[in-house]
Every structure is written in C-alpha cells, then in structure tokens.
Amino acid sequence: MSMTIVNGRVEEHIVEQAKRTLAVAGLTVSEVIRNTLESIALTGNIPMHAQTPDKAALQGARQATAFFASQDTPGRVKGVSDEELLAAERMERFGY
C-alpha cells in the first residue's frame, strides 16, 4: 500500500495542546488524521466536528452563547470567560 503526505496549516498553540492531549490517550497527530480520513473513506460521512457550519447555524450559536452568558448560572464567575475557566481547570488537572 502506498502512502502520501498530508499537509495542513494549524495554529502552533493548537497543535501543541492537541499533542499533549493525544499523548495522554496514547495517540499521535498522524494517527488521528489517518483514523479520521479512513473513517470518511469507509463511511462516506464527514464527522460532525469536522463539518463547517452554515451562517444561520453560526448566528444561532452566537445568540445562544450571548443568552447563556447573560444568565446567572451556578458556578459561573462574572468577568471570566469559559475559555479562561477551562484553561485554569486544565492547568490544575493536567499541568498545562
């Protein structure tokens, strides 16, 4: 079976974070890319996480995010984004 090289552009910090997460699972970036492409080739379906949402879906997601961000939610810290909370949790649990 012949192989080919697949190239893509991804922000460096995303690749580094993904590599650390994949290493915990015993996987490499190459294995995940290969597994994803094999799945697409075998099933003819694009995984939901890889699909590009349309403009209406993006607008709906933005509206939902804005709505929930404006609500008083138990455990929510005013002035701190979800990304910041997740980063703090990740640092606490995994050290990165």
C-alpha atoms as a PDB file:
ATOM      1  CA  MET A   1       0.000   0.000   0.000  1.00  0.00           C
ATOM      2  CA  SER A   2       1.475   3.358  -0.978  1.00  0.00           C
ATOM      3  CA  MET A   3       1.328   6.301   1.396  1.00  0.00           C
ATOM      4  CA  THR A   4       1.083  10.044   0.793  1.00  0.00           C
ATOM      5  CA  ILE A   5       1.908  13.051   2.951  1.00  0.00           C
ATOM      6  CA  VAL A   6      -0.950  15.327   4.007  1.00  0.00           C
ATOM      7  CA  ASN A   7      -0.150  18.934   4.925  1.00  0.00           C
ATOM      8  CA  GLY A   8      -2.333  21.458   6.706  1.00  0.00           C
ATOM      9  CA  ARG A   9      -1.992  24.805   8.435  1.00  0.00           C
ATOM     10  CA  VAL A  10      -2.955  24.922  12.098  1.00  0.00           C
ATOM     11  CA  GLU A  11      -2.011  27.483  14.729  1.00  0.00           C
ATOM     12  CA  GLU A  12       1.019  26.267  16.673  1.00  0.00           C
ATOM     13  CA  HIS A  13      -0.574  26.538  20.130  1.00  0.00           C
ATOM     14  CA  ILE A  14      -3.495  24.382  18.982  1.00  0.00           C
ATOM     15  CA  VAL A  15      -1.148  21.677  17.674  1.00  0.00           C
ATOM     16  CA  GLU A  16       0.893  21.678  20.889  1.00  0.00           C
ATOM     17  CA  GLN A  17      -2.201  21.465  23.083  1.00  0.00           C
ATOM     18  CA  ALA A  18      -3.638  18.679  20.909  1.00  0.00           C
ATOM     19  CA  LYS A  19      -0.350  16.743  21.021  1.00  0.00           C
ATOM     20  CA  ARG A  20      -0.354  16.820  24.830  1.00  0.00           C
ATOM     21  CA  THR A  21      -3.964  15.667  24.974  1.00  0.00           C
ATOM     22  CA  LEU A  22      -3.376  12.927  22.404  1.00  0.00           C
ATOM     23  CA  ALA A  23      -0.238  11.737  24.211  1.00  0.00           C
ATOM     24  CA  VAL A  24      -2.334  11.114  27.326  1.00  0.00           C
ATOM     25  CA  ALA A  25      -4.551   8.877  25.171  1.00  0.00           C
ATOM     26  CA  GLY A  26      -1.520   7.181  23.611  1.00  0.00           C
ATOM     27  CA  LEU A  27      -2.158   8.684  20.170  1.00  0.00           C
ATOM     28  CA  THR A  28      -0.240  10.864  17.734  1.00  0.00           C
ATOM     29  CA  VAL A  29      -1.496  13.598  15.422  1.00  0.00           C
ATOM     30  CA  SER A  30      -0.735  11.337  12.452  1.00  0.00           C
ATOM     31  CA  GLU A  31      -2.830   8.510  13.889  1.00  0.00           C
ATOM     32  CA  VAL A  32      -5.810  10.791  14.477  1.00  0.00           C
ATOM     33  CA  ILE A  33      -5.580  12.255  10.976  1.00  0.00           C
ATOM     34  CA  ARG A  34      -5.232   8.764   9.459  1.00  0.00           C
ATOM     35  CA  ASN A  35      -8.155   7.405  11.526  1.00  0.00           C
ATOM     36  CA  THR A  36     -10.360  10.365  10.575  1.00  0.00           C
ATOM     37  CA  LEU A  37      -9.588  10.053   6.862  1.00  0.00           C
ATOM     38  CA  GLU A  38     -10.099   6.266   6.963  1.00  0.00           C
ATOM     39  CA  SER A  39     -13.482   6.773   8.626  1.00  0.00           C
ATOM     40  CA  ILE A  40     -14.547   9.284   5.968  1.00  0.00           C
ATOM     41  CA  ALA A  41     -13.355   6.966   3.186  1.00  0.00           C
ATOM     42  CA  LEU A  42     -15.137   3.937   4.655  1.00  0.00           C
ATOM     43  CA  THR A  43     -18.431   5.562   5.626  1.00  0.00           C
ATOM     44  CA  GLY A  44     -18.716   8.438   3.162  1.00  0.00           C
ATOM     45  CA  ASN A  45     -19.686  10.660   6.096  1.00  0.00           C
ATOM     46  CA  ILE A  46     -17.856  13.669   7.476  1.00  0.00           C
ATOM     47  CA  PRO A  47     -17.636  13.646  11.295  1.00  0.00           C
ATOM     48  CA  MET A  48     -19.856  16.322  12.835  1.00  0.00           C
ATOM     49  CA  HIS A  49     -16.869  18.081  14.445  1.00  0.00           C
ATOM     50  CA  ALA A  50     -15.207  18.475  11.037  1.00  0.00           C
ATOM     51  CA  GLN A  51     -18.170  19.996   9.242  1.00  0.00           C
ATOM     52  CA  THR A  52     -18.265  23.725   8.589  1.00  0.00           C
ATOM     53  CA  PRO A  53     -21.470  25.167   9.989  1.00  0.00           C
ATOM     54  CA  ASP A  54     -23.544  27.425   7.767  1.00  0.00           C
ATOM     55  CA  LYS A  55     -24.109  31.113   8.551  1.00  0.00           C
ATOM     56  CA  ALA A  56     -27.514  30.517  10.140  1.00  0.00           C
ATOM     57  CA  ALA A  57     -26.102  27.884  12.480  1.00  0.00           C
ATOM     58  CA  LEU A  58     -23.221  30.180  13.452  1.00  0.00           C
ATOM     59  CA  GLN A  59     -25.634  33.047  14.134  1.00  0.00           C
ATOM     60  CA  GLY A  60     -27.830  30.761  16.236  1.00  0.00           C
ATOM     61  CA  ALA A  61     -24.823  29.573  18.222  1.00  0.00           C
ATOM     62  CA  ARG A  62     -23.724  33.172  18.816  1.00  0.00           C
ATOM     63  CA  GLN A  63     -27.201  34.124  20.025  1.00  0.00           C
ATOM     64  CA  ALA A  64     -27.377  31.117  22.350  1.00  0.00           C
ATOM     65  CA  THR A  65     -23.903  31.859  23.706  1.00  0.00           C
ATOM     66  CA  ALA A  66     -24.823  35.503  24.342  1.00  0.00           C
ATOM     67  CA  PHE A  67     -28.066  34.476  26.051  1.00  0.00           C
ATOM     68  CA  PHE A  68     -26.443  31.951  28.374  1.00  0.00           C
ATOM     69  CA  ALA A  69     -23.530  34.278  29.101  1.00  0.00           C
ATOM     70  CA  SER A  70     -26.019  36.868  30.352  1.00  0.00           C
ATOM     71  CA  GLN A  71     -27.699  34.446  32.776  1.00  0.00           C
ATOM     72  CA  ASP A  72     -26.759  33.957  36.402  1.00  0.00           C
ATOM     73  CA  THR A  73     -25.587  30.374  36.424  1.00  0.00           C
ATOM     74  CA  PRO A  74     -24.363  28.489  39.487  1.00  0.00           C
ATOM     75  CA  GLY A  75     -20.581  28.175  39.330  1.00  0.00           C
ATOM     76  CA  ARG A  76     -20.214  30.984  36.789  1.00  0.00           C
ATOM     77  CA  VAL A  77     -17.612  33.602  37.639  1.00  0.00           C
ATOM     78  CA  LYS A  78     -18.538  37.087  36.424  1.00  0.00           C
ATOM     79  CA  GLY A  79     -15.890  38.635  34.192  1.00  0.00           C
ATOM     80  CA  VAL A  80     -14.160  35.295  33.488  1.00  0.00           C
ATOM     81  CA  SER A  81     -14.722  33.582  30.151  1.00  0.00           C
ATOM     82  CA  ASP A  82     -15.446  29.891  29.773  1.00  0.00           C
ATOM     83  CA  GLU A  83     -12.115  29.537  27.957  1.00  0.00           C
ATOM     84  CA  GLU A  84     -10.291  31.022  30.951  1.00  0.00           C
ATOM     85  CA  LEU A  85     -12.133  28.711  33.346  1.00  0.00           C
ATOM     86  CA  LEU A  86     -11.340  25.687  31.156  1.00  0.00           C
ATOM     87  CA  ALA A  87      -7.678  26.710  30.901  1.00  0.00           C
ATOM     88  CA  ALA A  88      -7.453  27.031  34.701  1.00  0.00           C
ATOM     89  CA  GLU A  89      -9.121  23.637  35.168  1.00  0.00           C
ATOM     90  CA  ARG A  90      -6.800  22.037  32.602  1.00  0.00           C
ATOM     91  CA  MET A  91      -3.751  23.534  34.319  1.00  0.00           C
ATOM     92  CA  GLU A  92      -4.943  22.308  37.701  1.00  0.00           C
ATOM     93  CA  ARG A  93      -5.758  18.796  36.480  1.00  0.00           C
ATOM     94  CA  PHE A  94      -3.115  18.150  33.837  1.00  0.00           C
ATOM     95  CA  GLY A  95      -0.391  20.749  34.390  1.00  0.00           C
ATOM     96  CA  TYR A  96      -0.667  22.507  31.005  1.00  0.00           C
END
